[in-house]
Protein backbone atom coordinates (compact mmCIF):
# COMPACT_ATOMS: atom_id res chain seq x y z
CA MET A 1 145.52 46.02 -152.96
CA THR A 2 142.70 43.67 -151.97
CA SER A 3 141.92 43.00 -148.32
CA PRO A 4 142.90 39.26 -148.18
CA ARG A 5 146.23 39.93 -149.89
CA PHE A 6 146.91 42.91 -147.60
CA PHE A 7 146.19 40.88 -144.47
CA ARG A 8 148.30 37.91 -145.64
CA LEU A 9 151.23 40.25 -146.30
CA LEU A 10 150.96 41.89 -142.87
CA VAL A 11 150.65 38.52 -141.12
CA TRP A 12 153.77 37.29 -142.94
CA VAL A 13 155.73 40.45 -142.03
CA HIS A 14 154.76 40.30 -138.35
CA TRP A 15 155.50 36.58 -138.18
CA ARG A 16 158.98 37.10 -139.63
CA SER A 17 159.55 39.99 -137.25
CA PHE A 18 158.42 37.84 -134.32
CA LEU A 19 160.84 35.07 -135.27
CA ALA A 20 163.68 37.59 -135.57
CA ARG A 21 162.90 39.00 -132.11
CA MET A 22 162.83 35.51 -130.63
CA ARG A 23 166.23 34.70 -132.13
CA GLY A 24 167.59 37.98 -130.80
CA LEU A 25 166.19 37.32 -127.34
CA ARG A 26 167.74 33.84 -127.27
CA ARG A 27 171.12 35.39 -127.98
CA GLU A 28 170.79 38.36 -125.63
CA ALA A 29 168.72 36.73 -122.84
CA PRO A 30 168.94 32.93 -122.96
CA LEU A 31 167.17 32.67 -119.59
CA LEU A 32 163.98 34.24 -120.96
CA PRO A 33 162.22 30.95 -121.84
CA VAL A 34 163.15 29.49 -118.44
CA VAL A 35 161.88 32.52 -116.51
CA LEU A 36 158.66 32.70 -118.50
CA GLY A 37 158.07 28.96 -118.27
CA VAL A 38 158.58 28.87 -114.50
CA PHE A 39 156.32 31.90 -114.05
CA VAL A 40 153.53 30.40 -116.18
CA LEU A 41 153.68 27.01 -114.48
CA CYS A 42 153.74 28.55 -111.00
CA TYR A 43 150.77 30.76 -111.76
CA LEU A 44 148.76 27.90 -113.25
CA ALA A 45 149.51 25.62 -110.31
CA VAL A 46 148.98 28.16 -107.54
CA GLY A 47 145.97 29.71 -109.29
CA TYR A 48 144.33 26.34 -109.79
CA TRP A 49 144.89 25.42 -106.13
CA LEU A 50 143.48 28.72 -104.85
CA PHE A 51 140.46 28.71 -107.18
CA HIS A 52 139.72 25.05 -106.50
CA SER A 53 139.89 25.56 -102.74
CA GLY A 54 137.61 28.58 -102.83
CA LEU A 55 135.08 27.16 -105.28
CA ASN A 56 134.97 23.81 -103.50
CA TYR A 57 134.32 25.55 -100.17
CA LEU A 58 131.50 27.62 -101.67
CA HIS A 59 130.03 24.64 -103.49
CA HIS A 60 129.61 22.72 -100.21
CA PHE A 61 128.57 25.71 -98.12
CA PRO A 62 125.08 25.16 -96.62
CA LEU A 63 122.04 26.96 -98.07
CA VAL A 64 123.66 29.81 -100.03
CA GLY A 65 126.86 28.16 -101.32
CA SER A 66 125.55 27.47 -104.83
CA LEU A 67 123.92 30.89 -105.13
CA LEU A 68 127.07 32.63 -103.94
CA SER A 69 129.32 30.77 -106.39
CA GLN A 70 126.99 31.70 -109.25
CA ARG A 71 127.01 35.37 -108.25
CA ILE A 72 130.82 35.34 -108.07
CA LEU A 73 130.95 33.92 -111.59
CA TYR A 74 128.75 36.76 -112.85
CA LEU A 75 130.99 39.29 -111.08
CA ILE A 76 134.20 37.82 -112.49
CA PHE A 77 132.98 37.90 -116.09
CA GLY A 78 131.53 41.38 -115.55
CA PHE A 79 134.88 42.59 -114.26
CA PHE A 80 136.64 40.99 -117.23
CA PHE A 81 134.27 42.70 -119.64
CA VAL A 82 134.78 46.18 -118.13
CA MET A 83 138.56 45.80 -118.00
CA LEU A 84 138.64 44.55 -121.60
CA VAL A 85 136.74 47.65 -122.72
CA PHE A 86 139.28 49.93 -121.04
CA SER A 87 142.20 47.83 -122.24
CA ASN A 88 141.01 47.92 -125.87
CA LEU A 89 140.32 51.63 -125.58
CA ILE A 90 143.87 52.37 -124.40
CA ILE A 91 145.66 49.93 -126.70
CA GLY A 92 143.44 50.98 -129.61
CA TYR A 93 144.45 54.60 -129.13
CA SER A 94 148.13 53.63 -129.17
CA THR A 95 147.87 51.38 -132.23
CA LEU A 96 145.50 53.53 -134.27
CA PHE A 97 146.65 57.08 -133.53
CA LYS A 98 150.10 56.94 -131.88
CA SER A 99 151.85 54.22 -133.85
CA ARG A 100 154.36 55.18 -136.52
CA GLU A 101 153.39 52.02 -138.39
CA THR A 102 149.86 53.39 -138.81
CA THR A 103 151.23 56.63 -140.27
CA TRP A 104 153.31 54.64 -142.73
CA LEU A 105 150.41 52.35 -143.69
CA LEU A 106 148.17 55.36 -144.38
CA SER A 107 150.69 56.58 -146.95
CA LEU A 108 150.25 53.37 -148.98
CA PRO A 109 147.63 52.85 -151.69
CA VAL A 110 145.45 50.84 -149.32
CA ALA A 111 141.88 51.50 -148.28
CA HIS A 112 141.78 53.23 -144.89
CA ARG A 113 139.16 50.86 -143.52
CA ASN A 114 141.52 47.92 -144.21
CA ILE A 115 144.14 49.59 -142.02
CA TYR A 116 141.52 50.07 -139.33
CA ARG A 117 140.57 46.39 -139.56
CA TRP A 118 144.16 45.27 -139.17
CA LYS A 119 144.84 47.55 -136.22
CA PHE A 120 141.60 46.45 -134.59
CA LEU A 121 142.65 42.81 -134.81
CA GLU A 122 146.09 43.70 -133.45
CA ALA A 123 144.60 45.50 -130.45
CA LEU A 124 142.16 42.61 -129.92
CA VAL A 125 144.96 40.05 -129.67
CA VAL A 126 147.21 42.20 -127.46
CA SER A 127 144.43 43.06 -125.01
CA SER A 128 142.66 39.69 -124.80
CA TRP A 129 145.41 37.09 -124.40
CA ALA A 130 145.75 37.96 -120.71
CA LEU A 131 142.08 37.08 -120.12
CA VAL A 132 142.61 33.58 -121.45
CA PHE A 133 145.78 33.18 -119.39
CA LEU A 134 144.30 34.50 -116.14
CA SER A 135 141.00 32.62 -116.39
CA THR A 136 142.46 29.24 -117.40
CA PRO A 137 143.01 27.98 -113.81
CA LEU A 138 139.61 29.40 -112.82
CA MET A 139 137.76 27.44 -115.49
CA LEU A 140 139.80 24.29 -114.81
CA ALA A 141 138.98 24.52 -111.10
CA TYR A 142 135.31 25.27 -111.78
CA GLY A 143 135.03 22.25 -114.05
CA ARG A 144 136.77 20.00 -111.52
CA VAL A 145 134.49 21.11 -108.66
CA HIS A 146 131.32 20.58 -110.71
CA GLU A 147 132.63 17.36 -112.36
CA VAL A 148 131.87 18.48 -115.91
CA PRO A 149 132.61 16.41 -119.03
CA ALA A 150 135.63 17.13 -121.22
CA ALA A 151 133.46 18.87 -123.83
CA PHE A 152 132.81 21.66 -121.30
CA TYR A 153 136.30 23.10 -121.78
CA ALA A 154 135.96 23.14 -125.57
CA GLN A 155 132.62 24.93 -125.23
CA ILE A 156 134.17 27.57 -122.93
CA ALA A 157 137.04 28.11 -125.39
CA ALA A 158 134.52 28.63 -128.20
CA ALA A 159 132.45 31.07 -126.12
CA TYR A 160 135.49 33.15 -125.21
CA LEU A 161 136.05 34.18 -128.84
CA PRO A 162 132.85 36.20 -129.38
CA PHE A 163 133.02 37.41 -125.77
CA VAL A 164 136.41 39.14 -126.25
CA VAL A 165 135.31 40.59 -129.60
CA LEU A 166 132.44 42.60 -128.06
CA PRO A 167 134.53 44.72 -125.63
CA ALA A 168 137.13 45.16 -128.36
CA LEU A 169 134.44 46.61 -130.62
CA ALA A 170 133.16 48.88 -127.84
CA GLY A 171 136.64 50.19 -127.02
CA SER A 172 137.52 50.73 -130.68
CA TRP A 173 134.29 52.58 -131.43
CA ILE A 174 134.65 54.82 -128.39
CA ILE A 175 138.22 55.83 -129.20
CA VAL A 176 137.50 56.49 -132.88
CA LEU A 177 134.53 58.71 -132.04
CA LEU A 178 136.15 60.53 -129.09
CA VAL A 179 139.66 61.05 -130.44
CA ARG A 180 138.49 64.17 -132.29
CA VAL A 181 138.12 65.94 -128.95
CA LEU A 182 140.44 63.84 -126.78
CA ALA A 183 143.48 66.04 -127.34
CA ARG A 184 141.71 69.18 -126.13
CA ARG A 185 142.45 70.47 -122.67
CA TRP A 186 138.84 70.70 -121.52
CA VAL A 187 138.35 66.99 -122.17
CA LYS A 188 141.06 66.06 -119.66
CA ARG A 189 139.60 68.40 -117.08
CA THR A 190 136.12 66.99 -117.68
CA VAL A 191 137.38 63.43 -117.26
CA LEU A 192 139.10 64.36 -114.00
CA LEU A 193 135.94 66.01 -112.67
CA LEU A 194 133.90 62.95 -113.63
CA ALA A 195 136.41 60.71 -111.87
CA VAL A 196 136.17 62.82 -108.69
CA ALA A 197 132.37 62.75 -108.92
CA LEU A 198 132.43 58.97 -109.31
CA VAL A 199 134.62 58.58 -106.24
CA LEU A 200 132.28 60.80 -104.22
CA LEU A 201 129.32 58.77 -105.48
CA LEU A 202 131.01 55.59 -104.28
CA VAL A 203 131.78 57.15 -100.90
CA PHE A 204 128.28 58.42 -100.20
CA GLY A 205 126.21 56.07 -102.34
CA ILE A 206 127.53 52.64 -101.39
CA LYS A 207 126.59 51.60 -97.88
CA PRO A 208 128.59 48.83 -96.21
CA VAL A 209 127.08 45.65 -94.84
CA THR A 210 126.08 46.33 -91.25
CA ALA A 211 126.31 43.96 -88.31
CA ALA A 212 122.53 43.59 -88.32
CA ASP A 213 122.59 42.51 -91.97
CA ALA A 214 125.39 40.07 -91.28
CA ALA A 215 123.56 38.57 -88.30
CA ALA A 216 120.60 37.80 -90.56
CA GLN A 217 122.71 36.09 -93.24
CA GLN A 218 121.51 32.64 -92.12
CA ASP A 219 118.19 33.45 -93.70
CA VAL A 220 118.24 32.61 -97.40
CA LEU A 221 115.80 35.42 -98.10
CA SER A 222 118.41 37.99 -96.99
CA PHE A 223 120.98 36.70 -99.50
CA ASP A 224 119.92 39.06 -102.26
CA GLN A 225 119.83 41.98 -99.84
CA LEU A 226 123.39 41.31 -98.67
CA LEU A 227 124.61 41.24 -102.28
CA ARG A 228 122.49 44.12 -103.51
CA HIS A 229 125.52 45.96 -104.89
CA THR A 230 126.26 43.06 -107.26
CA ARG A 231 122.90 43.07 -109.01
CA VAL A 232 124.30 45.07 -111.91
CA SER A 233 126.28 41.99 -113.00
CA LEU A 234 122.98 40.13 -113.51
CA ASN A 235 121.70 42.59 -116.11
CA PRO A 236 120.42 40.50 -119.04
CA PHE A 237 121.74 43.05 -121.55
CA LEU A 238 125.38 42.53 -120.51
CA PRO A 239 127.49 40.13 -122.63
CA SER A 240 129.26 39.03 -119.43
CA ALA A 241 125.91 37.79 -118.09
CA TRP A 242 125.38 35.81 -121.30
CA LEU A 243 128.78 34.13 -120.91
CA ALA A 244 128.16 33.38 -117.23
CA GLN A 245 124.75 31.91 -118.05
CA ALA A 246 126.28 29.76 -120.78
CA VAL A 247 128.94 28.45 -118.38
CA LEU A 248 126.34 27.67 -115.72
CA SER A 249 124.08 25.92 -118.23
CA TRP A 250 126.86 23.76 -119.67
CA SER A 251 128.13 22.83 -116.19
CA GLU A 252 124.61 21.73 -115.18
CA GLY A 253 124.08 19.69 -118.34
CA ILE A 254 121.54 22.07 -119.94
CA GLY A 255 123.13 22.04 -123.39
CA ARG A 256 120.39 23.84 -125.32
CA GLN A 257 120.27 26.78 -122.95
CA GLY A 258 124.06 27.09 -123.05
CA ALA A 259 124.00 26.95 -126.86
CA PHE A 260 121.37 29.71 -126.91
CA PHE A 261 123.54 32.13 -124.93
CA PHE A 262 126.59 31.16 -126.99
CA LEU A 263 124.72 31.95 -130.21
CA LEU A 264 123.55 35.20 -128.62
CA LEU A 265 127.19 36.20 -128.05
CA LEU A 266 128.21 35.05 -131.52
CA SER A 267 125.42 36.91 -133.36
CA HIS A 268 126.16 40.19 -131.58
CA ALA A 269 129.90 39.80 -132.23
CA LEU A 270 129.38 39.14 -135.96
CA MET A 271 126.98 42.05 -136.28
CA GLY A 272 129.41 44.30 -134.43
CA LEU A 273 132.25 43.28 -136.75
CA LEU A 274 130.11 44.04 -139.78
CA VAL A 275 129.19 47.50 -138.48
CA GLY A 276 132.68 48.25 -137.20
CA PHE A 277 134.57 47.16 -140.28
CA GLU A 278 132.28 49.03 -142.67
CA TRP A 279 130.93 52.12 -140.90
CA VAL A 280 133.48 52.86 -138.17
CA GLY A 281 136.30 51.94 -140.54
CA ARG A 282 135.21 54.76 -142.85
CA LEU A 283 135.36 57.25 -139.96
CA PHE A 284 138.87 56.23 -138.92
CA TYR A 285 140.85 58.42 -141.33
CA GLY A 286 138.84 61.52 -140.45
CA SER A 287 139.49 60.95 -136.73
CA TRP A 288 143.19 60.33 -137.37
CA SER A 289 143.47 63.53 -139.40
CA MET A 290 141.58 65.49 -136.76
CA ALA A 291 143.93 64.20 -134.04
CA LEU A 292 146.99 65.38 -135.97
CA SER A 293 145.35 68.74 -136.66
CA SER A 294 144.52 69.36 -133.01
CA ARG A 295 148.05 68.41 -132.00
CA ALA A 296 149.56 70.79 -134.54
CA GLU A 297 147.16 73.52 -133.43
CA ARG A 298 148.28 73.12 -129.83
CA PHE A 299 151.94 73.36 -130.77
CA GLN A 300 151.21 76.47 -132.83
CA ARG A 301 149.44 78.15 -129.90
CA GLU A 302 152.34 77.37 -127.61
CA ALA A 303 154.86 78.72 -130.11
CA GLU A 304 152.90 81.94 -130.58
CA ALA A 305 152.57 82.36 -126.82
CA LYS A 306 156.35 82.02 -126.44
CA ARG A 307 156.99 84.58 -129.16
CA THR A 308 154.64 87.11 -127.64
CA LEU A 309 155.75 86.30 -124.05
CA GLU A 310 152.11 85.86 -123.06
CA ARG A 311 152.26 82.22 -122.10
CA ARG A 312 150.82 81.58 -118.66
CA ARG A 313 152.68 79.29 -116.32
CA SER A 314 151.06 75.89 -116.03
CA LEU A 315 150.24 74.07 -112.82
CA LEU A 316 153.10 71.63 -113.47
CA GLU A 317 155.58 74.50 -113.67
CA TRP A 318 154.33 75.92 -110.39
CA ALA A 319 154.61 72.47 -108.80
CA THR A 320 158.25 72.01 -109.86
CA ASP A 321 159.35 75.46 -108.70
CA TRP A 322 160.14 74.11 -105.22
CA LEU A 323 162.73 71.77 -106.76
CA ARG A 324 164.42 74.37 -108.95
CA PRO A 325 166.61 75.95 -106.21
CA LEU A 326 167.93 72.50 -105.26
CA SER A 327 168.71 71.29 -108.79
CA PRO A 328 167.54 73.19 -111.91
CA PRO A 329 168.38 70.26 -114.27
CA ALA A 330 166.40 67.82 -112.10
CA ALA A 331 163.45 70.24 -112.03
CA ALA A 332 163.55 70.49 -115.83
CA LEU A 333 163.60 66.69 -116.21
CA VAL A 334 160.72 66.26 -113.76
CA LEU A 335 158.71 68.86 -115.67
CA LYS A 336 159.52 67.13 -118.96
CA ASP A 337 158.47 63.68 -117.71
CA ALA A 338 155.27 65.06 -116.18
CA ARG A 339 154.35 66.84 -119.43
CA LEU A 340 154.96 63.73 -121.53
CA PHE A 341 152.82 61.71 -119.14
CA TRP A 342 150.00 64.26 -119.18
CA ARG A 343 150.04 64.66 -122.97
CA ASP A 344 149.63 60.93 -123.57
CA PRO A 345 146.02 59.87 -122.91
CA ALA A 346 147.03 56.21 -122.97
CA GLN A 347 149.18 56.86 -119.89
CA TRP A 348 147.01 59.04 -117.69
CA ILE A 349 143.82 57.12 -118.46
CA GLN A 350 145.47 53.91 -117.25
CA PHE A 351 146.71 55.69 -114.15
CA MET A 352 143.19 56.95 -113.44
CA ILE A 353 141.85 53.41 -113.79
CA PHE A 354 144.40 52.13 -111.28
CA PHE A 355 143.62 54.97 -108.91
CA GLY A 356 139.89 54.32 -109.23
CA LEU A 357 140.37 50.64 -108.43
CA LEU A 358 142.36 51.62 -105.36
CA CYS A 359 139.54 53.88 -104.20
CA ILE A 360 136.98 51.12 -104.73
CA TYR A 361 139.20 48.70 -102.80
CA VAL A 362 139.51 51.07 -99.85
CA LEU A 363 135.78 51.72 -99.80
CA ASN A 364 135.01 48.01 -99.75
CA LEU A 365 137.11 47.58 -96.61
CA ARG A 366 134.11 48.92 -94.72
CA ASN A 367 132.35 45.65 -95.51
CA VAL A 368 134.74 43.53 -93.42
CA THR A 369 135.02 45.61 -90.28
CA PHE A 370 131.83 44.32 -88.64
CA ASN A 371 133.35 40.90 -87.84
CA PHE A 372 136.72 42.06 -86.62
CA GLN A 373 136.79 41.04 -82.97
CA ASN A 374 138.87 37.88 -83.47
CA PRO A 375 142.62 38.67 -83.12
CA PHE A 376 143.52 36.00 -85.69
CA TRP A 377 141.31 37.51 -88.41
CA GLU A 378 142.45 40.99 -87.46
CA THR A 379 146.04 39.93 -88.09
CA MET A 380 145.25 38.09 -91.32
CA ILE A 381 143.17 40.86 -92.87
CA SER A 382 145.62 43.61 -91.92
CA HIS A 383 148.55 41.76 -93.54
CA LEU A 384 146.46 40.81 -96.55
CA ASN A 385 145.70 44.51 -96.88
CA LEU A 386 149.46 45.15 -96.96
CA ALA A 387 149.90 42.45 -99.61
CA ALA A 388 147.07 43.83 -101.79
CA SER A 389 148.49 47.37 -101.61
CA ALA A 390 151.98 46.08 -102.44
CA LEU A 391 150.75 44.08 -105.43
CA THR A 392 149.01 47.17 -106.77
CA LEU A 393 152.20 49.15 -106.19
CA SER A 394 154.26 46.59 -108.14
CA THR A 395 151.83 46.85 -111.05
CA LEU A 396 152.14 50.64 -111.03
CA THR A 397 155.94 50.63 -110.91
CA THR A 398 156.25 47.97 -113.61
CA ARG A 399 153.74 49.65 -115.91
CA PHE A 400 154.72 53.32 -115.48
CA VAL A 401 158.27 53.42 -114.05
CA PHE A 402 160.03 50.60 -115.90
CA PRO A 403 159.53 52.13 -119.40
CA GLN A 404 160.71 55.63 -118.40
CA PHE A 405 164.37 55.17 -119.37
CA SER A 406 163.48 53.46 -122.65
CA LEU A 407 161.03 56.24 -123.55
CA GLU A 408 163.96 58.65 -123.85
CA GLY A 409 164.52 56.78 -127.11
CA ARG A 410 167.10 57.92 -129.58
CA ARG A 411 167.26 61.31 -127.84
CA LEU A 412 169.20 59.71 -125.00
CA TRP A 413 172.51 60.89 -126.45
CA ILE A 414 171.42 64.48 -125.78
CA LEU A 415 171.12 63.73 -122.06
CA GLY A 416 174.43 61.85 -122.23
CA LEU A 417 176.22 64.92 -123.59
CA ALA A 418 174.58 67.28 -121.09
CA PRO A 419 176.49 68.18 -117.89
CA PHE A 420 173.73 66.53 -115.89
CA GLY A 421 174.76 63.01 -116.98
CA LEU A 422 172.84 59.78 -117.34
CA ARG A 423 173.58 58.63 -113.80
CA LYS A 424 171.77 61.65 -112.39
CA VAL A 425 168.96 61.03 -114.88
CA LEU A 426 168.50 57.60 -113.29
CA LEU A 427 168.53 59.11 -109.81
CA GLN A 428 165.99 61.73 -110.88
CA LYS A 429 163.65 59.04 -112.21
CA PHE A 430 164.11 57.00 -109.05
CA TRP A 431 163.33 59.87 -106.68
CA MET A 432 160.38 60.98 -108.77
CA SER A 433 158.96 57.45 -108.78
CA CYS A 434 159.76 56.87 -105.11
CA LEU A 435 158.14 60.07 -103.84
CA GLY A 436 155.12 59.69 -106.13
CA SER A 437 154.48 56.05 -105.19
CA MET A 438 155.00 56.81 -101.50
CA ALA A 439 152.48 59.65 -101.63
CA ILE A 440 149.87 57.27 -103.05
CA THR A 441 150.57 54.04 -101.19
CA VAL A 442 151.33 55.47 -97.76
CA SER A 443 148.13 57.52 -97.87
CA LEU A 444 146.23 54.43 -99.03
CA MET A 445 147.71 52.34 -96.24
CA ILE A 446 146.90 54.89 -93.54
CA VAL A 447 143.31 55.30 -94.71
CA SER A 448 142.73 51.55 -95.08
CA SER A 449 144.29 50.79 -91.68
CA VAL A 450 142.13 53.43 -90.01
CA MET A 451 139.04 51.96 -91.69
CA LEU A 452 140.02 48.55 -90.31
CA HIS A 453 140.15 50.12 -86.80
CA LEU A 454 143.78 49.14 -86.23
CA PRO A 455 145.70 50.72 -83.34
CA TRP A 456 147.92 53.65 -84.24
CA SER A 457 151.06 51.63 -83.60
CA GLN A 458 149.94 49.15 -86.28
CA VAL A 459 148.98 52.00 -88.62
CA ALA A 460 152.50 53.46 -88.30
CA PHE A 461 154.06 50.00 -88.81
CA PHE A 462 152.15 49.27 -92.00
CA ALA A 463 152.74 52.81 -93.33
CA ALA A 464 156.49 52.39 -92.78
CA ALA A 465 156.39 48.94 -94.40
CA ILE A 466 154.62 50.13 -97.56
CA GLY A 467 156.95 53.16 -97.72
CA LEU A 468 159.99 50.88 -97.66
CA MET A 469 158.43 48.67 -100.33
CA SER A 470 157.72 51.76 -102.47
CA ALA A 471 161.39 52.70 -102.43
CA SER A 472 162.52 49.13 -103.17
CA LEU A 473 160.09 48.54 -106.04
CA SER A 474 160.89 51.95 -107.54
CA GLY A 475 164.62 51.19 -107.45
CA LEU A 476 163.97 47.77 -108.97
CA ALA A 477 161.85 49.19 -111.82
CA VAL A 478 164.27 52.04 -112.61
CA GLY A 479 167.32 49.77 -112.45
CA LEU A 480 165.91 46.97 -114.61
CA GLY A 481 164.49 49.55 -117.01
CA ALA A 482 168.03 50.85 -117.62
CA LEU A 483 169.55 47.35 -117.75
CA PHE A 484 167.01 46.09 -120.30
CA PRO A 485 166.13 49.15 -122.42
CA ASN A 486 164.19 49.17 -125.67
CA PHE A 487 164.97 52.44 -127.43
CA LYS A 488 163.30 51.40 -130.68
CA GLU A 489 159.79 51.28 -129.19
CA ASP A 490 157.73 54.31 -128.14
CA ASN A 491 154.73 52.33 -126.82
CA PRO A 492 155.09 51.72 -123.05
CA SER A 493 152.84 48.64 -123.20
CA LYS A 494 155.16 46.93 -125.68
CA ILE A 495 158.25 47.95 -123.69
CA VAL A 496 156.84 46.33 -120.55
CA SER A 497 155.95 43.13 -122.44
CA GLY A 498 159.64 42.38 -123.11
CA PHE A 499 162.07 40.32 -121.07
CA GLY A 500 162.98 43.18 -118.73
CA GLY A 501 159.36 43.98 -117.92
CA THR A 502 158.54 40.33 -117.31
CA LEU A 503 161.59 39.93 -115.07
CA CYS A 504 160.65 43.10 -113.17
CA LEU A 505 157.12 41.79 -112.52
CA VAL A 506 158.33 38.33 -111.43
CA VAL A 507 161.00 39.74 -109.09
CA SER A 508 158.47 42.22 -107.68
CA PHE A 509 155.95 39.47 -106.88
CA SER A 510 158.65 37.28 -105.31
CA TYR A 511 159.93 40.17 -103.19
CA ILE A 512 156.41 41.08 -102.03
CA ALA A 513 155.65 37.49 -101.03
CA ALA A 514 158.88 37.24 -99.02
CA PHE A 515 158.53 40.68 -97.40
CA VAL A 516 154.90 40.20 -96.35
CA ALA A 517 155.66 36.73 -94.97
CA LEU A 518 158.60 38.05 -92.93
CA THR A 519 156.74 41.04 -91.50
CA ALA A 520 153.74 38.85 -90.59
CA VAL A 521 155.78 36.45 -88.45
CA PRO A 522 155.65 38.50 -85.20
CA ASP A 523 151.89 39.04 -85.37
CA ILE A 524 151.11 35.46 -86.39
CA ARG A 525 153.27 34.14 -83.54
CA ARG A 526 151.24 36.30 -81.16
CA VAL A 527 147.78 35.03 -82.26
CA ALA A 528 148.55 31.45 -83.29
CA PRO A 529 150.92 28.79 -81.95
CA GLN A 530 153.53 28.79 -84.70
CA SER A 531 157.17 27.75 -84.27
CA VAL A 532 159.56 29.97 -86.24
CA ALA A 533 163.32 29.67 -85.79
CA LEU A 534 164.01 33.40 -86.14
CA SER A 535 163.03 35.91 -83.51
CA ASP A 536 160.77 38.87 -84.18
CA GLY A 537 163.66 41.30 -84.49
CA ALA A 538 165.56 38.94 -86.78
CA THR A 539 162.66 38.50 -89.20
CA LEU A 540 162.10 42.25 -89.44
CA SER A 541 165.84 42.77 -89.95
CA VAL A 542 165.86 40.22 -92.78
CA ALA A 543 162.91 42.05 -94.37
CA VAL A 544 164.79 45.36 -94.23
CA VAL A 545 168.00 43.83 -95.65
CA LEU A 546 165.99 42.17 -98.43
CA SER A 547 164.37 45.52 -99.29
CA LEU A 548 167.74 47.28 -99.41
CA GLY A 549 169.11 44.56 -101.68
CA VAL A 550 166.16 44.84 -104.08
CA LEU A 551 166.58 48.62 -104.05
CA LEU A 552 170.35 48.99 -104.37
CA PHE A 553 171.57 46.05 -106.46
CA PRO A 554 169.69 46.78 -109.74
CA LEU A 555 169.96 50.56 -109.31
CA LEU A 556 173.74 50.56 -108.71
CA THR A 557 174.29 48.05 -111.50
CA ALA A 558 172.30 50.26 -113.87
CA MET A 559 174.28 53.34 -112.82
CA ARG A 560 177.54 51.56 -113.67
CA ARG A 561 176.14 50.55 -117.05
CA VAL A 562 174.95 54.03 -118.02
CA LYS A 563 178.34 55.38 -116.97
CA ASN A 564 179.89 53.15 -119.63
CA LEU A 565 177.29 54.42 -122.08
CA GLU A 566 178.45 57.99 -121.37
CA ILE A 567 182.00 57.01 -122.32
């Protein structure tokens, strides 16, 4: 089968499948278009207002405003580029080596490189649409502040296409070349050691901005010194720097310079596609075969170790021994979920990325402590710290906890027939998620509060607040995951992208906004003259009741539903 005919057939099949899913969603969840539409409009409106306010303030800031806005643009596109590389790496692994559709396509009389091309395009679309969505209000606000012509937005849209292709190529090449050794145990250990070394490098290598540096910030010559850690985003060999330079050139009316950097992006993207589709596409089948061979080899070693009774107990088994006297079935389920998580590189790599971002966030808190004498800013930054930690927590619960019930798949009937029961399975997943998220977020909150030099009473308050939010968001994710399951899909990313995952994310964001606003009322009343009808105790009581409602309502509703499934 020729390549154009093969691609047309796959596009037709996926389009028909998409229409069928949309018709099914309209029947099963008629509120889906309303929820998605409201969420998109709210994000675009709020995002545009926030970006416009910030960019307008920087644009009119004396002396260094223009330089600072340019550096922020370089940083934003650099961050997008790095995240797109990781996103394409993870999604590429799932689509190329974990998808049952890929296994079926490889059994057809089709050239293997054509299958690689199709899966590359699929991963490119799935991983890059969020960039366009997230950056739309940013570019609209940037154009409004700089009063650009209408052609500016068309130029940005054209430049985005080669820009998203380059990280997709990098992620796809990395995963194809590394998947031959990715399934081996020493690779995971090496990655963990490298992650620990990177964190230590950030701790000891990055020095915060001191008070002396901040006092000299009125001097334009000290601007580059204050932002010395951002110089990497200015590297002329980075595609993100090319895109930023093109945007700056077009906004300033330098059309030829903007066209030069656009053509630079386009030429590298076309050359990368040529190399990837021809050379890397030929290596794909060998990597896929090697991945299956290593997986079968691991299973064979484990089976032989069980037969000879020489299998050593793993660290996960030792860790779950403390739970076994309390509930042996719960300990077995915890061990099973932990093993499935650890055996899937797409899962633990994403978790490591999230954890690394949290570490970087905590380390950067040292940069704001030098100007922390004002009680108003102390209150604002401490509650913004709570909001940032909670938003990260909601992303973790939605991404990793929500799909857990659906990942049981068609094997769910086995758990339904077991004496343990599906209701206790839900409780096990809730407690596992709750304790795990609390261990991460409470520790993060304590460390970040100490770095902000908050009094111990405030440290305890914020630790208790994030602990309560961890329980509520875990209950929400587990409950909605059981109410809106997708047993036909084994890819967590696709499970989360459905109606239930979208609803979980929207409800999580709404709950976080309400909870943070309620808990901030007592402190804001203390540092600023604000008139609020409710007293301090009443606002905190409302926050606790709201958290209990978010925790109990979806979880209890899900437990009643799975009880009917058992019958």
